Amino acid sequence: MKRTSPGCPHMAWTPENIESVRRLVIESPQRSTRSRASILGLSHHSLQRILHGELNFHPYKIMTVQKLLPSDFVQRRLFFERMLEIIASDDVILIMSDEAHFDLDGYVNKQNC
């Protein structure tokens, strides 16, 4: 059971507003929240509360990845075969990590994307 907040009631959280926000997000998912709020006549904060609290919509983070070319697959296969040979030898210790930062074409700041 949801508890009511002790402050002012959320006047924008009407079933009609929630449904109109849901429809607008489905119709145009690329539109900004500020323009959605303007279209619906809601405050930006009210729209964000509806998106997060009622509809469970959350922003996503852009992931930057390297583009693979057809010639890369041959190099990857050769690297894989060489690594198998190295791992098979008893005198090598291999330490791997799942963290990586790739800086190929300059600095990428994901916060500004």
N, C-alpha and C. Protein backbone atom coordinates (compact mmCIF):
# COMPACT_ATOMS: atom_id res chain seq x y z
N MET A 1 0.83 -1.17 0.00
CA MET A 1 0.00 0.00 0.00
C MET A 1 0.88 1.24 0.00
N LYS A 2 0.61 2.17 -0.91
CA LYS A 2 1.40 3.39 -1.00
C LYS A 2 1.01 4.34 0.11
N ARG A 3 2.01 4.95 0.70
CA ARG A 3 1.75 5.94 1.74
C ARG A 3 1.66 7.31 1.07
N THR A 4 0.81 8.15 1.57
CA THR A 4 0.71 9.50 1.04
C THR A 4 1.76 10.36 1.70
N SER A 5 2.32 11.28 0.94
CA SER A 5 3.35 12.15 1.48
C SER A 5 2.70 13.21 2.36
N PRO A 6 3.42 13.69 3.38
CA PRO A 6 2.84 14.67 4.28
C PRO A 6 2.72 16.06 3.65
N GLY A 7 3.37 16.29 2.52
CA GLY A 7 3.35 17.60 1.89
C GLY A 7 2.11 17.83 1.05
N CYS A 8 2.23 18.74 0.11
CA CYS A 8 1.12 19.05 -0.79
C CYS A 8 0.78 17.85 -1.65
N PRO A 9 -0.48 17.66 -1.99
CA PRO A 9 -0.84 16.53 -2.85
C PRO A 9 -0.32 16.74 -4.27
N HIS A 10 -0.03 15.65 -4.95
CA HIS A 10 0.45 15.70 -6.32
C HIS A 10 -0.76 15.89 -7.24
N MET A 11 -1.02 17.12 -7.61
CA MET A 11 -2.20 17.42 -8.42
C MET A 11 -2.05 16.91 -9.86
N ALA A 12 -0.82 16.74 -10.34
CA ALA A 12 -0.60 16.31 -11.72
C ALA A 12 -0.74 14.80 -11.88
N TRP A 13 -0.78 14.07 -10.79
CA TRP A 13 -0.83 12.61 -10.86
C TRP A 13 -2.25 12.11 -11.03
N THR A 14 -2.95 12.62 -12.01
CA THR A 14 -4.30 12.12 -12.28
C THR A 14 -4.20 10.98 -13.28
N PRO A 15 -5.14 10.07 -13.30
CA PRO A 15 -5.10 8.98 -14.29
C PRO A 15 -5.07 9.50 -15.73
N GLU A 16 -5.73 10.61 -15.99
CA GLU A 16 -5.74 11.18 -17.35
C GLU A 16 -4.35 11.66 -17.73
N ASN A 17 -3.68 12.36 -16.81
CA ASN A 17 -2.33 12.85 -17.09
C ASN A 17 -1.34 11.70 -17.26
N ILE A 18 -1.47 10.69 -16.44
CA ILE A 18 -0.57 9.54 -16.53
C ILE A 18 -0.74 8.85 -17.88
N GLU A 19 -1.99 8.68 -18.31
CA GLU A 19 -2.23 8.03 -19.60
C GLU A 19 -1.76 8.90 -20.76
N SER A 20 -1.93 10.21 -20.67
CA SER A 20 -1.47 11.07 -21.77
C SER A 20 0.05 11.11 -21.83
N VAL A 21 0.73 11.05 -20.68
CA VAL A 21 2.20 10.97 -20.69
C VAL A 21 2.64 9.66 -21.32
N ARG A 22 1.96 8.55 -20.96
CA ARG A 22 2.32 7.25 -21.53
C ARG A 22 2.15 7.26 -23.05
N ARG A 23 1.04 7.81 -23.54
CA ARG A 23 0.80 7.87 -24.99
C ARG A 23 1.85 8.72 -25.70
N LEU A 24 2.18 9.87 -25.11
CA LEU A 24 3.15 10.77 -25.75
C LEU A 24 4.54 10.14 -25.81
N VAL A 25 4.93 9.41 -24.78
CA VAL A 25 6.24 8.75 -24.78
C VAL A 25 6.27 7.65 -25.85
N ILE A 26 5.20 6.90 -25.98
CA ILE A 26 5.14 5.83 -26.98
C ILE A 26 5.13 6.41 -28.39
N GLU A 27 4.40 7.51 -28.59
CA GLU A 27 4.33 8.13 -29.93
C GLU A 27 5.64 8.74 -30.36
N SER A 28 6.33 9.42 -29.44
CA SER A 28 7.59 10.08 -29.80
C SER A 28 8.61 9.90 -28.68
N PRO A 29 9.31 8.76 -28.69
CA PRO A 29 10.24 8.47 -27.60
C PRO A 29 11.49 9.36 -27.59
N GLN A 30 11.81 10.01 -28.71
CA GLN A 30 13.01 10.83 -28.77
C GLN A 30 12.79 12.25 -28.25
N ARG A 31 11.55 12.64 -28.03
CA ARG A 31 11.23 14.01 -27.60
C ARG A 31 11.75 14.24 -26.18
N SER A 32 12.20 15.45 -25.89
CA SER A 32 12.74 15.77 -24.57
C SER A 32 11.61 15.88 -23.55
N THR A 33 11.97 15.73 -22.28
CA THR A 33 10.95 15.81 -21.23
C THR A 33 10.43 17.24 -21.09
N ARG A 34 11.26 18.21 -21.36
CA ARG A 34 10.79 19.60 -21.26
C ARG A 34 9.75 19.90 -22.34
N SER A 35 9.97 19.41 -23.55
CA SER A 35 8.97 19.65 -24.61
C SER A 35 7.70 18.85 -24.34
N ARG A 36 7.81 17.65 -23.78
CA ARG A 36 6.62 16.89 -23.40
C ARG A 36 5.81 17.63 -22.35
N ALA A 37 6.51 18.18 -21.36
CA ALA A 37 5.82 18.91 -20.30
C ALA A 37 5.10 20.12 -20.88
N SER A 38 5.72 20.80 -21.82
CA SER A 38 5.10 21.97 -22.44
C SER A 38 3.85 21.57 -23.23
N ILE A 39 3.95 20.48 -23.98
CA ILE A 39 2.82 20.01 -24.78
C ILE A 39 1.63 19.64 -23.89
N LEU A 40 1.92 18.95 -22.77
CA LEU A 40 0.86 18.46 -21.89
C LEU A 40 0.38 19.51 -20.88
N GLY A 41 1.08 20.62 -20.79
CA GLY A 41 0.70 21.65 -19.83
C GLY A 41 1.05 21.28 -18.40
N LEU A 42 2.09 20.48 -18.22
CA LEU A 42 2.55 20.08 -16.90
C LEU A 42 3.89 20.74 -16.61
N SER A 43 4.25 20.80 -15.36
CA SER A 43 5.60 21.27 -15.03
C SER A 43 6.59 20.14 -15.36
N HIS A 44 7.83 20.53 -15.59
CA HIS A 44 8.86 19.54 -15.90
C HIS A 44 9.03 18.56 -14.74
N HIS A 45 8.98 19.06 -13.53
CA HIS A 45 9.14 18.21 -12.35
C HIS A 45 7.98 17.21 -12.22
N SER A 46 6.76 17.67 -12.48
CA SER A 46 5.60 16.76 -12.42
C SER A 46 5.71 15.67 -13.46
N LEU A 47 6.14 16.05 -14.66
CA LEU A 47 6.30 15.04 -15.72
C LEU A 47 7.35 14.02 -15.33
N GLN A 48 8.46 14.46 -14.77
CA GLN A 48 9.50 13.52 -14.36
C GLN A 48 9.00 12.60 -13.24
N ARG A 49 8.22 13.12 -12.31
CA ARG A 49 7.67 12.28 -11.25
C ARG A 49 6.73 11.22 -11.82
N ILE A 50 5.93 11.59 -12.81
CA ILE A 50 5.03 10.62 -13.44
C ILE A 50 5.85 9.57 -14.18
N LEU A 51 6.85 10.01 -14.95
CA LEU A 51 7.68 9.06 -15.72
C LEU A 51 8.39 8.06 -14.81
N HIS A 52 8.97 8.54 -13.72
CA HIS A 52 9.73 7.67 -12.83
C HIS A 52 8.83 6.90 -11.86
N GLY A 53 7.90 7.62 -11.22
CA GLY A 53 7.11 7.00 -10.16
C GLY A 53 6.00 6.10 -10.63
N GLU A 54 5.23 6.54 -11.62
CA GLU A 54 4.07 5.77 -12.05
C GLU A 54 4.37 4.85 -13.22
N LEU A 55 5.13 5.32 -14.21
CA LEU A 55 5.34 4.55 -15.43
C LEU A 55 6.64 3.74 -15.41
N ASN A 56 7.49 3.96 -14.41
CA ASN A 56 8.77 3.26 -14.30
C ASN A 56 9.64 3.43 -15.55
N PHE A 57 9.60 4.61 -16.16
CA PHE A 57 10.49 4.93 -17.27
C PHE A 57 11.71 5.63 -16.70
N HIS A 58 12.89 5.25 -17.17
CA HIS A 58 14.13 5.83 -16.68
C HIS A 58 15.02 6.16 -17.87
N PRO A 59 15.86 7.19 -17.75
CA PRO A 59 16.77 7.52 -18.84
C PRO A 59 17.82 6.43 -19.00
N TYR A 60 18.38 6.34 -20.18
CA TYR A 60 19.41 5.33 -20.42
C TYR A 60 20.73 6.01 -20.69
N LYS A 61 21.80 5.27 -20.45
CA LYS A 61 23.15 5.76 -20.69
C LYS A 61 23.60 5.33 -22.07
N ILE A 62 24.24 6.23 -22.79
CA ILE A 62 24.77 5.91 -24.11
C ILE A 62 26.07 5.13 -23.93
N MET A 63 26.18 4.02 -24.62
CA MET A 63 27.40 3.22 -24.57
C MET A 63 28.19 3.47 -25.84
N THR A 64 29.46 3.78 -25.68
CA THR A 64 30.33 3.97 -26.84
C THR A 64 31.08 2.66 -27.08
N VAL A 65 31.02 2.19 -28.29
CA VAL A 65 31.69 0.94 -28.65
C VAL A 65 32.48 1.14 -29.93
N GLN A 66 33.39 0.25 -30.17
CA GLN A 66 34.22 0.32 -31.37
C GLN A 66 33.51 -0.39 -32.52
N LYS A 67 33.53 0.23 -33.69
CA LYS A 67 32.93 -0.37 -34.86
C LYS A 67 33.86 -1.47 -35.39
N LEU A 68 33.30 -2.66 -35.60
CA LEU A 68 34.09 -3.76 -36.14
C LEU A 68 33.98 -3.78 -37.66
N LEU A 69 35.12 -3.92 -38.29
CA LEU A 69 35.18 -4.01 -39.75
C LEU A 69 35.35 -5.47 -40.15
N PRO A 70 35.04 -5.80 -41.42
CA PRO A 70 35.21 -7.20 -41.85
C PRO A 70 36.64 -7.72 -41.68
N SER A 71 37.63 -6.86 -41.83
CA SER A 71 39.02 -7.30 -41.67
C SER A 71 39.37 -7.60 -40.22
N ASP A 72 38.59 -7.10 -39.28
CA ASP A 72 38.87 -7.31 -37.86
C ASP A 72 38.65 -8.76 -37.44
N PHE A 73 37.77 -9.46 -38.09
CA PHE A 73 37.44 -10.82 -37.67
C PHE A 73 38.63 -11.77 -37.87
N VAL A 74 39.40 -11.58 -38.93
CA VAL A 74 40.59 -12.41 -39.16
C VAL A 74 41.62 -12.15 -38.07
N GLN A 75 41.83 -10.86 -37.74
CA GLN A 75 42.78 -10.52 -36.69
C GLN A 75 42.33 -11.06 -35.33
N ARG A 76 41.04 -11.00 -35.07
CA ARG A 76 40.53 -11.51 -33.80
C ARG A 76 40.72 -13.03 -33.72
N ARG A 77 40.51 -13.71 -34.82
CA ARG A 77 40.69 -15.17 -34.84
C ARG A 77 42.15 -15.54 -34.61
N LEU A 78 43.07 -14.82 -35.24
CA LEU A 78 44.50 -15.08 -35.04
C LEU A 78 44.90 -14.81 -33.59
N PHE A 79 44.38 -13.72 -33.02
CA PHE A 79 44.68 -13.41 -31.63
C PHE A 79 44.15 -14.50 -30.71
N PHE A 80 42.95 -14.97 -30.97
CA PHE A 80 42.34 -16.02 -30.17
C PHE A 80 43.17 -17.30 -30.21
N GLU A 81 43.61 -17.69 -31.40
CA GLU A 81 44.41 -18.91 -31.53
C GLU A 81 45.75 -18.77 -30.82
N ARG A 82 46.37 -17.58 -30.91
CA ARG A 82 47.65 -17.35 -30.23
C ARG A 82 47.45 -17.38 -28.71
N MET A 83 46.37 -16.79 -28.21
CA MET A 83 46.11 -16.80 -26.77
C MET A 83 45.88 -18.23 -26.26
N LEU A 84 45.23 -19.07 -27.04
CA LEU A 84 45.05 -20.47 -26.64
C LEU A 84 46.39 -21.17 -26.50
N GLU A 85 47.31 -20.87 -27.41
CA GLU A 85 48.66 -21.47 -27.32
C GLU A 85 49.37 -20.98 -26.07
N ILE A 86 49.26 -19.70 -25.77
CA ILE A 86 49.94 -19.15 -24.59
C ILE A 86 49.35 -19.73 -23.31
N ILE A 87 48.03 -19.82 -23.25
CA ILE A 87 47.38 -20.36 -22.05
C ILE A 87 47.71 -21.83 -21.85
N ALA A 88 47.87 -22.56 -22.95
CA ALA A 88 48.16 -23.99 -22.86
C ALA A 88 49.55 -24.24 -22.28
N SER A 89 50.48 -23.30 -22.45
CA SER A 89 51.82 -23.50 -21.89
C SER A 89 51.76 -23.32 -20.38
N ASP A 90 52.56 -24.09 -19.64
CA ASP A 90 52.50 -24.10 -18.18
C ASP A 90 53.26 -22.95 -17.52
N ASP A 91 54.14 -22.27 -18.24
CA ASP A 91 54.99 -21.26 -17.62
C ASP A 91 54.42 -19.83 -17.73
N VAL A 92 53.16 -19.69 -18.09
CA VAL A 92 52.57 -18.37 -18.25
C VAL A 92 51.41 -18.21 -17.27
N ILE A 93 51.37 -17.04 -16.62
CA ILE A 93 50.25 -16.70 -15.75
C ILE A 93 49.46 -15.60 -16.45
N LEU A 94 48.19 -15.81 -16.60
CA LEU A 94 47.33 -14.86 -17.30
C LEU A 94 46.31 -14.28 -16.34
N ILE A 95 46.27 -12.95 -16.25
CA ILE A 95 45.31 -12.25 -15.40
C ILE A 95 44.42 -11.42 -16.31
N MET A 96 43.10 -11.59 -16.17
CA MET A 96 42.15 -10.85 -17.00
C MET A 96 41.21 -10.03 -16.13
N SER A 97 40.74 -8.92 -16.68
CA SER A 97 39.80 -8.05 -15.99
C SER A 97 38.68 -7.70 -16.95
N ASP A 98 37.50 -7.40 -16.41
CA ASP A 98 36.39 -7.04 -17.29
C ASP A 98 36.24 -5.53 -17.43
N GLU A 99 37.16 -4.75 -16.87
CA GLU A 99 37.09 -3.30 -16.99
C GLU A 99 38.01 -2.83 -18.10
N ALA A 100 37.55 -1.85 -18.86
CA ALA A 100 38.37 -1.30 -19.93
C ALA A 100 37.89 0.10 -20.27
N HIS A 101 38.80 0.95 -20.68
CA HIS A 101 38.47 2.28 -21.18
C HIS A 101 39.18 2.43 -22.52
N PHE A 102 38.43 2.63 -23.57
CA PHE A 102 39.00 2.76 -24.90
C PHE A 102 38.93 4.21 -25.33
N ASP A 103 40.03 4.74 -25.78
CA ASP A 103 40.13 6.12 -26.23
C ASP A 103 40.71 6.10 -27.64
N LEU A 104 39.87 5.85 -28.64
CA LEU A 104 40.35 5.63 -30.00
C LEU A 104 40.44 6.90 -30.83
N ASP A 105 39.39 7.70 -30.82
CA ASP A 105 39.34 8.89 -31.68
C ASP A 105 39.32 10.18 -30.87
N GLY A 106 39.84 10.14 -29.69
CA GLY A 106 39.79 11.30 -28.83
C GLY A 106 39.01 10.98 -27.58
N TYR A 107 38.94 11.93 -26.68
CA TYR A 107 38.27 11.72 -25.41
C TYR A 107 36.77 11.72 -25.60
N VAL A 108 36.08 10.73 -25.04
CA VAL A 108 34.63 10.63 -25.13
C VAL A 108 34.06 10.86 -23.73
N ASN A 109 33.30 11.92 -23.57
CA ASN A 109 32.63 12.19 -22.30
C ASN A 109 31.17 11.80 -22.44
N LYS A 110 30.79 10.65 -21.88
CA LYS A 110 29.42 10.15 -22.04
C LYS A 110 28.39 11.05 -21.37
N GLN A 111 28.81 11.86 -20.42
CA GLN A 111 27.87 12.74 -19.75
C GLN A 111 27.37 13.85 -20.69
N ASN A 112 28.16 14.16 -21.71
CA ASN A 112 27.78 15.23 -22.65
C ASN A 112 27.07 14.71 -23.89
N CYS A 113 26.94 13.41 -24.04
CA CYS A 113 26.30 12.86 -25.24
C CYS A 113 24.79 13.00 -25.14
